[in-house]
């Protein structure tokens, strides 16, 4: 994040949402704070570093995305739209994701370092890529791009 911590930003945004009577943002931010607190307490009382906070946010993002997709497939737009609205709020706390040419360039550097012999080395390259690009790129996108680059 920037100079302020995620928790401070969430608290400030929660106050703003409450003052504006924005129930969607208020409830979503409360959900994020709850998820972070649950992660903290399950972590033997230890604090959360930025990577763990990011992992919690990405887990929440994935849950909302999958729920919205399922609701859309079943024709339940009345349930899909709130999930997508919550997803938009969650996305404001996630860093910008790498896509397209920037992602391809980062993956090319990793492929050049590892120099895979072929598709059998996909696991090694994918492991290095997910470690290097953790929180910066979607793993599904990384895997799809790597398959094209390695084969």
Protein backbone atom coordinates (compact mmCIF):
# COMPACT_ATOMS: atom_id res chain seq x y z
CA UNK A 1 0.00 0.00 0.00
CA UNK A 2 1.07 3.59 0.29
CA UNK A 3 2.27 5.28 3.47
CA UNK A 4 -0.93 4.50 5.37
CA UNK A 5 -1.71 0.96 6.42
CA UNK A 6 -4.62 -0.98 5.00
CA UNK A 7 -6.37 -1.02 8.37
CA UNK A 8 -6.15 2.76 8.68
CA UNK A 9 -7.46 3.19 5.16
CA UNK A 10 -10.32 0.76 5.83
CA UNK A 11 -11.27 2.58 9.04
CA UNK A 12 -11.25 5.95 7.31
CA UNK A 13 -13.27 4.62 4.38
CA UNK A 14 -15.73 2.95 6.75
CA UNK A 15 -16.34 6.26 8.53
CA UNK A 16 -16.81 8.00 5.18
CA UNK A 17 -19.25 5.33 3.98
CA UNK A 18 -21.23 5.53 7.22
CA UNK A 19 -21.48 9.32 6.98
CA UNK A 20 -22.58 9.06 3.35
CA UNK A 21 -25.07 6.30 4.27
CA UNK A 22 -23.48 4.09 1.61
CA UNK A 23 -24.64 0.71 2.91
CA UNK A 24 -22.92 -1.30 0.18
CA UNK A 25 -19.47 0.17 0.86
CA UNK A 26 -20.06 0.06 4.62
CA UNK A 27 -21.01 -3.62 4.63
CA UNK A 28 -18.23 -4.60 2.23
CA UNK A 29 -15.57 -2.77 4.26
CA UNK A 30 -16.88 -4.39 7.43
CA UNK A 31 -16.57 -7.76 5.68
CA UNK A 32 -12.97 -6.99 4.70
CA UNK A 33 -12.12 -5.92 8.26
CA UNK A 34 -13.73 -9.11 9.61
CA UNK A 35 -11.75 -11.30 7.20
CA UNK A 36 -8.51 -9.55 8.18
CA UNK A 37 -9.31 -9.96 11.88
CA UNK A 38 -10.11 -13.66 11.39
CA UNK A 39 -6.79 -14.13 9.59
CA UNK A 40 -4.96 -12.32 12.39
CA UNK A 41 -6.52 -14.44 15.13
CA UNK A 42 -5.95 -17.70 13.27
CA UNK A 43 -2.31 -16.66 12.93
CA UNK A 44 -1.55 -17.32 16.62
CA UNK A 45 -2.06 -13.68 17.51
CA UNK A 46 0.65 -12.47 15.12
CA UNK A 47 0.11 -9.43 12.96
CA UNK A 48 -0.49 -9.49 9.25
CA UNK A 49 2.17 -8.36 6.85
CA UNK A 50 1.31 -6.80 3.51
CA UNK A 51 1.49 -10.14 1.65
CA UNK A 52 -1.03 -11.77 3.97
CA UNK A 53 -3.35 -8.76 3.75
CA UNK A 54 -3.12 -8.98 -0.01
CA UNK A 55 -3.87 -12.71 0.10
CA UNK A 56 -7.01 -12.07 2.16
CA UNK A 57 -8.19 -9.39 -0.27
CA UNK A 58 -7.54 -11.66 -3.24
CA UNK A 59 -9.45 -14.49 -1.57
CA UNK A 60 -12.42 -12.15 -1.07
CA UNK A 61 -12.13 -11.01 -4.69
CA UNK A 62 -12.16 -14.60 -5.91
CA UNK A 63 -15.19 -15.45 -3.76
CA UNK A 64 -17.18 -12.51 -5.13
CA UNK A 65 -16.14 -13.21 -8.73
CA UNK A 66 -17.11 -16.89 -8.53
CA UNK A 67 -20.41 -16.13 -6.79
CA UNK A 68 -21.32 -13.53 -9.42
CA UNK A 69 -20.48 -15.95 -12.25
CA UNK A 70 -22.62 -18.70 -10.72
CA UNK A 71 -25.55 -16.34 -10.19
CA UNK A 72 -25.28 -15.07 -13.78
CA UNK A 73 -25.18 -18.62 -15.16
CA UNK A 74 -28.38 -19.36 -13.24
CA UNK A 75 -30.01 -16.18 -14.49
CA UNK A 76 -30.13 -14.59 -11.03
CA UNK A 77 -29.08 -11.04 -11.87
CA UNK A 78 -30.71 -9.83 -8.64
CA UNK A 79 -28.03 -11.75 -6.73
CA UNK A 80 -25.14 -11.26 -9.19
CA UNK A 81 -25.27 -7.47 -9.16
CA UNK A 82 -24.66 -7.03 -5.40
CA UNK A 83 -21.72 -9.45 -5.61
CA UNK A 84 -20.24 -7.42 -8.48
CA UNK A 85 -20.79 -4.18 -6.57
CA UNK A 86 -18.97 -5.64 -3.55
CA UNK A 87 -16.20 -6.81 -5.88
CA UNK A 88 -15.77 -3.23 -7.12
CA UNK A 89 -15.30 -2.02 -3.53
CA UNK A 90 -12.79 -4.80 -2.78
CA UNK A 91 -10.83 -3.96 -5.97
CA UNK A 92 -10.16 -0.44 -4.68
CA UNK A 93 -7.92 -1.96 -1.98
CA UNK A 94 -5.97 -4.23 -4.34
CA UNK A 95 -2.93 -3.01 -6.28
CA UNK A 96 -3.15 -2.64 -10.05
CA UNK A 97 -2.82 -6.04 -11.72
CA UNK A 98 -0.31 -6.69 -14.52
CA UNK A 99 -1.84 -7.53 -17.88
CA UNK A 100 -0.95 -7.83 -21.54
CA UNK A 101 2.50 -6.71 -22.64
CA UNK A 102 3.77 -5.87 -19.14
CA UNK A 103 2.87 -9.36 -17.93
CA UNK A 104 4.37 -10.99 -21.02
CA UNK A 105 7.64 -9.06 -20.51
CA UNK A 106 7.84 -10.08 -16.83
CA UNK A 107 7.17 -13.71 -17.74
CA UNK A 108 9.78 -13.61 -20.51
CA UNK A 109 12.42 -12.55 -17.97
CA UNK A 110 11.46 -15.52 -15.76
CA UNK A 111 11.48 -17.94 -18.72
CA UNK A 112 14.90 -16.63 -19.80
CA UNK A 113 16.28 -17.18 -16.28
CA UNK A 114 14.96 -20.73 -15.92
CA UNK A 115 15.40 -21.79 -19.56
CA UNK A 116 12.84 -24.61 -19.60
CA UNK A 117 13.59 -27.64 -21.79
CA UNK A 118 9.94 -27.88 -22.79
CA UNK A 119 6.41 -28.30 -21.46
CA UNK A 120 7.65 -30.76 -18.81
CA UNK A 121 9.30 -27.81 -16.99
CA UNK A 122 6.02 -25.88 -16.78
CA UNK A 123 5.71 -26.52 -13.03
CA UNK A 124 9.15 -25.05 -12.30
CA UNK A 125 8.48 -21.95 -14.38
CA UNK A 126 4.97 -21.51 -12.98
CA UNK A 127 6.30 -21.80 -9.42
CA UNK A 128 8.90 -19.11 -10.03
CA UNK A 129 6.36 -16.91 -11.83
CA UNK A 130 3.74 -17.14 -9.10
CA UNK A 131 6.35 -16.35 -6.46
CA UNK A 132 7.73 -13.37 -8.42
CA UNK A 133 4.34 -12.01 -9.47
CA UNK A 134 2.43 -12.73 -6.26
CA UNK A 135 -0.33 -10.17 -5.91
CA UNK A 136 0.64 -8.48 -9.17
CA UNK A 137 -0.99 -10.84 -11.67
CA UNK A 138 -3.80 -13.37 -11.83
CA UNK A 139 -2.40 -16.92 -11.75
CA UNK A 140 -4.90 -18.15 -14.37
CA UNK A 141 -3.66 -15.50 -16.78
CA UNK A 142 -0.04 -16.30 -15.92
CA UNK A 143 -0.58 -20.02 -16.55
CA UNK A 144 -2.31 -19.43 -19.88
CA UNK A 145 0.44 -17.09 -21.07
CA UNK A 146 3.23 -19.41 -19.89
CA UNK A 147 1.72 -22.39 -21.71
CA UNK A 148 1.92 -20.43 -24.94
CA UNK A 149 5.48 -19.30 -24.26
CA UNK A 150 6.90 -22.69 -23.22
CA UNK A 151 5.30 -25.04 -25.74
